[in-house]
Amino acid sequence: MAAELVRVQLAERSYDIRVGSGGGHELGAFARSRTTGSQSVVVTDSHVLPHAVAVMDALMAAGFNAHLIVLRPGESEKTLANASYLYDQLAEKGADRHTLIVAVGGGVIGDLAGFVAATFARGLPLLMVPTSLLAMVDSSVGGKTGVNHPRAKNLVGAFHQPRGVWIDADFLHTLPDREYRSGLAEVVKYGVILDAELFAYLEANVTALLAREAEPVRRVVSRSCRLKADVVEQDERETTGLRAILNYGHTFAHAFETVAGYGAWLHGEAVAAGMVCAGRLAYALGRVDEAFCTRQERLLERFELPTQIEPWPIDELLQAMRSDKKTVAGRLRLVLSSALGKAEVVADVPEAQVVAVLESLRREE
């Protein structure tokens, strides 16, 4: 199958998302055509080091002077302390505004390296090379970068569009099952909020997707990237409210991650449970019918994702939700569906109903 290019149209910040399998020898040319410098710094973690080495080889074959920085894996590493460490490394290596930052890894590496690229020397060119399904369909696209804060996930960040995104579906062969399923949660999200046909395709292809069959995987990755690109093109910096719908389930999910401790649940696992909460809340508010909740929960269960939450303290979850970036003057604003394939931001959601939903989905201690 030939690689597909998904174009993100953002005037002078426009870029291509390349979705393919293999073809790593072409990565250097892809990077060369998108930057004027000859120095590159590859940021990765120890779990995906072989992929990063292959990326370095391709960059050097294309004439880049490539440096490698390897971090520890895990959500707990997405910190200002590690950002500071990367600043030190870049300064030591003589990085300037033409130095290409290449993020090779999952969402943690992409967010952290992207944040450093956005802020070092007031902005460096960035190439995303996602190695997890979640990063391929979500975090590598759209320019959101950031690090976690003890009070909330991604509380410190910046918008910084990459020069390009290189997606090699073959990287998914080395992804652990749990992380692969975690990524499927974000694919389900796109179906719920934007594309009922995609949701139906997922329902019909659960077995093939869990088996990581090439054609279905490439199809859902490409479609997810196109859907996200469409939204980002219309609301790059979340000024109109449209882009906020991509955070469906995430206000709940970020609270779960914050209260449980970063890394206790994978991001997609938290998003899956968060979507269940959002669906139940939409039902309680009369926005969707019971069949909507049933279909959503059934699909998540078939992908072996959480549909209940742990017995975390409700007051701590609420406090974390109040720190969500969509909250205004302390009043919760949540992304809720009105039908399969449609969603919007709903303001002034009563906390009592949020509490009721959280309590109804808690596992027994």
Protein backbone atom coordinates (compact mmCIF):
# COMPACT_ATOMS: atom_id res chain seq x y z
CA MET A 1 0.00 0.00 0.00
CA ALA A 2 1.35 3.39 -1.01
CA ALA A 3 1.78 5.98 1.71
CA GLU A 4 -0.95 8.59 2.01
CA LEU A 5 -0.43 12.29 2.71
CA VAL A 6 -2.98 14.07 4.88
CA ARG A 7 -2.56 17.84 4.52
CA VAL A 8 -3.16 20.19 7.46
CA GLN A 9 -3.96 23.59 5.92
CA LEU A 10 -2.80 26.38 8.26
CA ALA A 11 -1.44 29.05 5.91
CA GLU A 12 2.33 29.37 6.47
CA ARG A 13 2.14 26.70 9.20
CA SER A 14 0.66 24.05 6.87
CA TYR A 15 2.20 20.58 6.92
CA ASP A 16 1.77 16.99 5.78
CA ILE A 17 0.99 13.88 7.82
CA ARG A 18 2.51 10.92 6.03
CA VAL A 19 0.65 7.67 6.80
CA GLY A 20 2.34 4.53 5.52
CA SER A 21 4.06 1.27 6.36
CA GLY A 22 7.82 1.00 6.16
CA GLY A 23 9.71 3.34 3.86
CA GLY A 24 11.99 4.51 6.65
CA HIS A 25 14.75 5.29 4.15
CA GLU A 26 12.52 8.10 2.82
CA LEU A 27 12.22 9.82 6.21
CA GLY A 28 15.43 11.79 5.75
CA ALA A 29 14.21 13.32 2.50
CA PHE A 30 10.84 14.08 4.14
CA ALA A 31 12.65 15.95 6.92
CA ARG A 32 15.11 17.66 4.55
CA SER A 33 12.27 19.12 2.47
CA ARG A 34 10.72 20.69 5.55
CA THR A 35 13.63 22.48 7.19
CA THR A 36 16.59 24.58 6.09
CA GLY A 37 19.07 23.50 8.76
CA SER A 38 21.44 20.57 8.84
CA GLN A 39 21.48 19.88 12.59
CA SER A 40 18.89 17.63 14.23
CA VAL A 41 18.28 16.38 17.75
CA VAL A 42 16.30 13.16 18.18
CA VAL A 43 14.42 12.93 21.48
CA THR A 44 13.18 9.49 22.48
CA ASP A 45 12.79 7.12 25.41
CA SER A 46 14.44 3.82 26.19
CA HIS A 47 11.41 1.74 25.21
CA VAL A 48 11.56 2.77 21.55
CA LEU A 49 15.31 3.29 21.19
CA PRO A 50 15.63 0.92 18.18
CA HIS A 51 13.09 3.04 16.26
CA ALA A 52 15.00 6.21 17.21
CA VAL A 53 18.28 4.73 15.99
CA ALA A 54 16.66 3.88 12.64
CA VAL A 55 15.36 7.46 12.42
CA MET A 56 18.85 8.80 13.17
CA ASP A 57 20.32 6.63 10.43
CA ALA A 58 17.80 8.00 7.92
CA LEU A 59 18.51 11.59 8.98
CA MET A 60 22.28 11.16 8.68
CA ALA A 61 21.88 9.49 5.27
CA ALA A 62 20.07 12.66 4.18
CA GLY A 63 22.95 14.87 5.37
CA PHE A 64 21.79 15.81 8.85
CA ASN A 65 24.16 16.02 11.79
CA ALA A 66 22.07 14.04 14.30
CA HIS A 67 22.27 13.94 18.09
CA LEU A 68 20.32 11.54 20.31
CA ILE A 69 18.76 12.22 23.72
CA VAL A 70 17.21 9.24 25.51
CA LEU A 71 14.77 9.76 28.41
CA ARG A 72 13.08 7.35 30.79
CA PRO A 73 9.64 6.20 29.59
CA GLY A 74 6.30 7.00 31.22
CA GLU A 75 3.80 9.78 31.87
CA SER A 76 5.59 10.70 35.09
CA GLU A 77 8.53 11.91 32.99
CA LYS A 78 6.50 14.68 31.29
CA THR A 79 7.73 17.37 33.66
CA LEU A 80 9.26 20.83 33.70
CA ALA A 81 12.37 19.23 35.20
CA ASN A 82 12.83 17.10 32.09
CA ALA A 83 12.09 20.09 29.87
CA SER A 84 14.88 21.93 31.69
CA TYR A 85 17.18 18.95 31.15
CA LEU A 86 16.44 19.08 27.42
CA TYR A 87 17.14 22.84 27.36
CA ASP A 88 20.53 22.12 28.92
CA GLN A 89 21.27 19.44 26.33
CA LEU A 90 20.28 21.68 23.44
CA ALA A 91 22.40 24.52 24.73
CA GLU A 92 25.35 22.17 25.16
CA LYS A 93 24.97 20.92 21.60
CA GLY A 94 24.82 24.46 20.21
CA ALA A 95 21.24 24.27 18.98
CA ASP A 96 19.91 27.32 17.15
CA ARG A 97 16.62 28.28 15.50
CA HIS A 98 17.36 26.03 12.52
CA THR A 99 17.97 22.90 14.62
CA LEU A 100 15.30 20.28 13.89
CA ILE A 101 13.80 18.58 16.94
CA VAL A 102 12.64 15.06 16.05
CA ALA A 103 10.27 13.47 18.58
CA VAL A 104 10.37 9.67 18.27
CA GLY A 105 7.96 8.02 20.70
CA GLY A 106 4.47 8.10 22.11
CA GLY A 107 2.43 10.99 23.42
CA VAL A 108 4.75 11.74 26.34
CA ILE A 109 7.79 12.24 24.11
CA GLY A 110 5.78 14.19 21.54
CA ASP A 111 4.28 16.54 24.13
CA LEU A 112 7.55 17.08 25.99
CA ALA A 113 9.87 17.44 22.98
CA GLY A 114 7.23 19.58 21.27
CA PHE A 115 7.03 21.89 24.29
CA VAL A 116 10.82 22.25 24.31
CA ALA A 117 10.79 22.95 20.56
CA ALA A 118 8.12 25.61 21.11
CA THR A 119 10.04 27.41 23.84
CA PHE A 120 13.79 26.98 23.25
CA ALA A 121 15.16 30.03 21.41
CA ARG A 122 11.49 31.06 20.98
CA GLY A 123 10.79 28.20 18.63
CA LEU A 124 12.58 25.38 16.78
CA PRO A 125 11.31 23.33 13.82
CA LEU A 126 9.69 20.08 14.93
CA LEU A 127 9.18 16.72 13.23
CA MET A 128 6.85 14.23 14.89
CA VAL A 129 7.58 10.51 14.47
CA PRO A 130 4.90 8.83 16.61
CA THR A 131 5.47 5.21 17.60
CA SER A 132 2.22 4.51 19.49
CA LEU A 133 -1.30 4.33 18.06
CA LEU A 134 -2.49 7.03 20.44
CA ALA A 135 0.22 9.42 19.30
CA MET A 136 -0.40 8.61 15.63
CA VAL A 137 -4.09 9.46 15.74
CA ASP A 138 -4.05 12.24 18.31
CA SER A 139 -1.15 13.88 20.10
CA SER A 140 1.29 14.16 17.16
CA VAL A 141 -1.24 16.16 15.10
CA GLY A 142 -2.46 19.66 15.81
CA GLY A 143 0.37 21.44 17.57
CA LYS A 144 -0.57 20.98 21.21
CA THR A 145 2.51 20.55 23.39
CA GLY A 146 2.97 20.59 27.13
CA VAL A 147 4.06 19.11 30.42
CA ASN A 148 2.16 17.99 33.49
CA HIS A 149 1.80 19.86 36.76
CA PRO A 150 0.89 18.29 40.12
CA ARG A 151 -2.44 20.14 39.97
CA ALA A 152 -3.45 19.03 36.49
CA LYS A 153 -2.32 17.20 33.36
CA ASN A 154 -0.89 19.37 30.56
CA LEU A 155 -1.36 22.52 32.63
CA VAL A 156 1.83 24.09 31.21
CA GLY A 157 2.04 24.13 27.43
CA ALA A 158 2.11 25.94 24.10
CA PHE A 159 0.71 25.63 20.59
CA HIS A 160 3.53 24.75 18.18
CA GLN A 161 2.73 23.11 14.86
CA PRO A 162 5.23 20.55 13.54
CA ARG A 163 6.84 20.84 10.12
CA GLY A 164 5.56 17.35 9.41
CA VAL A 165 4.35 14.09 10.93
CA TRP A 166 5.87 10.78 9.80
CA ILE A 167 3.63 7.82 10.63
CA ASP A 168 4.97 4.32 10.05
CA ALA A 169 2.27 1.80 10.96
CA ASP A 170 4.96 -0.89 11.19
CA PHE A 171 6.05 0.68 14.48
CA LEU A 172 2.84 -0.70 15.97
CA HIS A 173 4.19 -4.26 15.69
CA THR A 174 6.39 -3.61 18.73
CA LEU A 175 3.72 -1.80 20.78
CA PRO A 176 2.51 -3.72 23.87
CA ASP A 177 -1.12 -4.85 23.69
CA ARG A 178 -2.24 -2.60 26.52
CA GLU A 179 -0.80 0.51 24.87
CA TYR A 180 -2.26 -0.47 21.50
CA ARG A 181 -5.75 -0.84 22.99
CA SER A 182 -5.25 2.48 24.77
CA GLY A 183 -4.80 4.13 21.39
CA LEU A 184 -8.02 2.62 20.10
CA ALA A 185 -9.90 4.71 22.69
CA GLU A 186 -8.96 7.87 20.81
CA VAL A 187 -10.11 6.31 17.53
CA VAL A 188 -13.48 5.51 19.12
CA LYS A 189 -13.62 9.13 20.27
CA TYR A 190 -13.45 10.39 16.68
CA GLY A 191 -16.35 8.16 15.74
CA VAL A 192 -18.46 9.37 18.66
CA ILE A 193 -17.91 13.09 18.13
CA LEU A 194 -17.41 13.45 14.37
CA ASP A 195 -18.04 10.38 12.24
CA ALA A 196 -20.82 7.86 12.84
CA GLU A 197 -19.62 5.87 9.80
CA LEU A 198 -16.20 5.45 11.38
CA PHE A 199 -17.87 4.28 14.59
CA ALA A 200 -19.82 1.66 12.62
CA TYR A 201 -16.61 0.58 10.83
CA LEU A 202 -14.94 0.07 14.21
CA GLU A 203 -17.88 -2.03 15.40
CA ALA A 204 -17.60 -4.22 12.30
CA ASN A 205 -13.81 -4.62 12.47
CA VAL A 206 -12.99 -5.17 16.14
CA THR A 207 -11.30 -8.52 15.54
CA ALA A 208 -9.20 -7.27 12.62
CA LEU A 209 -8.11 -4.17 14.51
CA LEU A 210 -7.17 -6.10 17.63
CA ALA A 211 -5.12 -8.40 15.37
CA ARG A 212 -3.44 -5.25 13.95
CA GLU A 213 -4.28 -6.18 10.37
CA ALA A 214 -2.53 -3.71 8.09
CA GLU A 215 -5.40 -2.39 5.96
CA PRO A 216 -7.90 -1.68 8.77
CA VAL A 217 -5.18 -0.10 10.92
CA ARG A 218 -4.00 2.16 8.10
CA ARG A 219 -7.60 3.09 7.34
CA VAL A 220 -8.53 4.15 10.88
CA VAL A 221 -5.22 5.98 11.41
CA SER A 222 -5.60 7.94 8.19
CA ARG A 223 -9.27 8.74 8.85
CA SER A 224 -8.55 9.84 12.42
CA CYS A 225 -5.78 12.15 11.22
CA ARG A 226 -8.07 13.64 8.56
CA LEU A 227 -10.83 14.27 11.11
CA LYS A 228 -8.46 15.94 13.53
CA ALA A 229 -6.87 18.00 10.75
CA ASP A 230 -10.31 19.24 9.68
CA VAL A 231 -10.99 20.51 13.19
CA VAL A 232 -7.53 22.03 13.71
CA GLU A 233 -7.81 23.89 10.40
CA GLN A 234 -10.98 25.60 11.65
CA ASP A 235 -9.89 26.26 15.24
CA GLU A 236 -6.13 25.99 15.62
CA ARG A 237 -5.91 27.58 19.07
CA GLU A 238 -9.30 26.72 20.54
CA THR A 239 -10.69 30.21 20.09
CA THR A 240 -14.07 29.29 18.57
CA GLY A 241 -14.80 26.29 20.77
CA LEU A 242 -14.83 23.79 17.90
CA ARG A 243 -11.45 22.23 18.71
CA ALA A 244 -12.56 21.66 22.29
CA ILE A 245 -14.79 18.81 21.09
CA LEU A 246 -11.60 16.79 20.58
CA ASN A 247 -11.42 16.71 24.38
CA TYR A 248 -14.50 14.49 24.61
CA GLY A 249 -14.10 12.39 27.75
CA HIS A 250 -10.84 14.15 28.59
CA THR A 251 -12.04 16.36 31.46
CA PHE A 252 -12.96 13.20 33.34
CA ALA A 253 -9.88 11.36 32.04
CA HIS A 254 -7.39 14.00 33.15
CA ALA A 255 -8.98 13.98 36.60
CA PHE A 256 -8.57 10.20 36.79
CA GLU A 257 -4.91 10.48 35.77
CA THR A 258 -4.24 13.28 38.24
CA VAL A 259 -5.89 11.63 41.23
CA ALA A 260 -4.61 8.12 40.49
CA GLY A 261 -1.08 9.36 39.85
CA TYR A 262 0.37 9.79 36.38
CA GLY A 263 0.98 6.39 34.84
CA ALA A 264 -1.44 4.35 36.97
CA TRP A 265 -3.80 4.33 34.00
CA LEU A 266 -2.66 4.82 30.42
CA HIS A 267 -4.12 7.92 28.83
CA GLY A 268 -6.42 6.00 26.49
CA GLU A 269 -7.70 3.89 29.36
CA ALA A 270 -8.63 7.06 31.24
CA VAL A 271 -10.23 8.49 28.09
CA ALA A 272 -12.33 5.34 27.63
CA ALA A 273 -13.75 5.61 31.15
CA GLY A 274 -14.11 9.37 30.64
CA MET A 275 -16.19 8.82 27.52
CA VAL A 276 -18.46 6.47 29.44
CA CYS A 277 -18.91 9.20 32.06
CA ALA A 278 -19.63 11.80 29.38
CA GLY A 279 -22.15 9.49 27.73
CA ARG A 280 -23.96 8.77 30.99
CA LEU A 281 -24.00 12.49 31.80
CA ALA A 282 -25.41 13.34 28.37
CA TYR A 283 -28.12 10.73 28.97
CA ALA A 284 -28.93 12.20 32.39
CA LEU A 285 -29.28 15.63 30.78
CA GLY A 286 -31.61 14.26 28.09
CA ARG A 287 -29.17 14.85 25.25
CA VAL A 288 -28.81 11.21 24.08
CA ASP A 289 -30.80 8.03 24.46
CA GLU A 290 -29.83 4.84 26.27
CA ALA A 291 -28.90 3.15 22.99
CA PHE A 292 -26.10 5.70 22.52
CA CYS A 293 -24.57 4.78 25.87
CA THR A 294 -24.96 1.07 25.21
CA ARG A 295 -23.23 1.20 21.81
CA GLN A 296 -20.37 3.31 23.12
CA GLU A 297 -19.79 1.15 26.19
CA ARG A 298 -20.11 -2.09 24.26
CA LEU A 299 -17.47 -1.03 21.71
CA LEU A 300 -15.06 0.06 24.43
CA GLU A 301 -15.58 -3.25 26.23
CA ARG A 302 -14.87 -5.17 23.01
CA PHE A 303 -11.58 -3.29 22.74
CA GLU A 304 -10.91 -4.39 26.36
CA LEU A 305 -10.91 -0.82 27.69
CA PRO A 306 -12.18 0.35 31.12
CA THR A 307 -15.84 1.31 31.41
CA GLN A 308 -15.79 1.82 35.19
CA ILE A 309 -13.55 3.87 37.47
CA GLU A 310 -11.63 3.03 40.59
CA PRO A 311 -13.02 4.11 44.00
CA TRP A 312 -11.14 7.41 43.97
CA PRO A 313 -12.36 10.21 46.29
CA ILE A 314 -15.08 12.12 44.46
CA ASP A 315 -14.06 15.46 45.96
CA GLU A 316 -10.51 15.03 44.61
CA LEU A 317 -11.84 14.17 41.16
CA LEU A 318 -14.02 17.29 41.18
CA GLN A 319 -11.12 19.47 42.24
CA ALA A 320 -9.05 18.14 39.37
CA MET A 321 -11.93 18.71 36.95
CA ARG A 322 -12.21 22.33 38.11
CA SER A 323 -8.59 22.78 36.99
CA ASP A 324 -9.48 21.74 33.44
CA LYS A 325 -8.58 24.37 30.85
CA LYS A 326 -12.20 24.51 29.61
CA THR A 327 -13.46 25.53 33.06
CA VAL A 328 -14.50 29.19 33.28
CA ALA A 329 -14.75 31.00 36.64
CA GLY A 330 -14.87 27.66 38.40
CA ARG A 331 -17.91 26.42 36.44
CA LEU A 332 -17.54 23.11 34.62
CA ARG A 333 -17.75 23.06 30.83
CA LEU A 334 -17.82 19.56 29.34
CA VAL A 335 -17.89 18.10 25.85
CA LEU A 336 -21.11 16.12 25.46
CA SER A 337 -22.75 14.36 22.53
CA SER A 338 -26.17 15.08 21.11
CA ALA A 339 -26.08 12.08 18.76
CA LEU A 340 -23.53 9.62 17.44
CA GLY A 341 -21.11 11.68 15.34
CA LYS A 342 -22.01 15.00 16.97
CA ALA A 343 -20.70 16.79 20.07
CA GLU A 344 -20.41 20.27 21.55
CA VAL A 345 -19.16 22.07 24.64
CA VAL A 346 -21.87 22.40 27.28
CA ALA A 347 -21.50 25.14 29.89
CA ASP A 348 -22.62 25.22 33.53
CA VAL A 349 -22.96 21.48 33.94
CA PRO A 350 -24.42 20.87 37.43
CA GLU A 351 -21.77 19.33 39.67
CA ALA A 352 -24.43 17.26 41.43
CA GLN A 353 -25.09 15.36 38.20
CA VAL A 354 -21.37 14.90 37.59
CA VAL A 355 -21.06 13.45 41.10
CA ALA A 356 -23.99 11.11 40.47
CA VAL A 357 -22.37 9.79 37.29
CA LEU A 358 -19.00 9.29 38.98
CA GLU A 359 -20.58 7.44 41.89
CA SER A 360 -22.60 5.20 39.58
CA LEU A 361 -19.46 4.06 37.74
CA ARG A 362 -17.15 3.43 40.71
CA ARG A 363 -15.99 -0.11 41.26
CA GLU A 364 -16.76 -1.52 44.67
CA GLU A 365 -13.80 -1.39 47.06
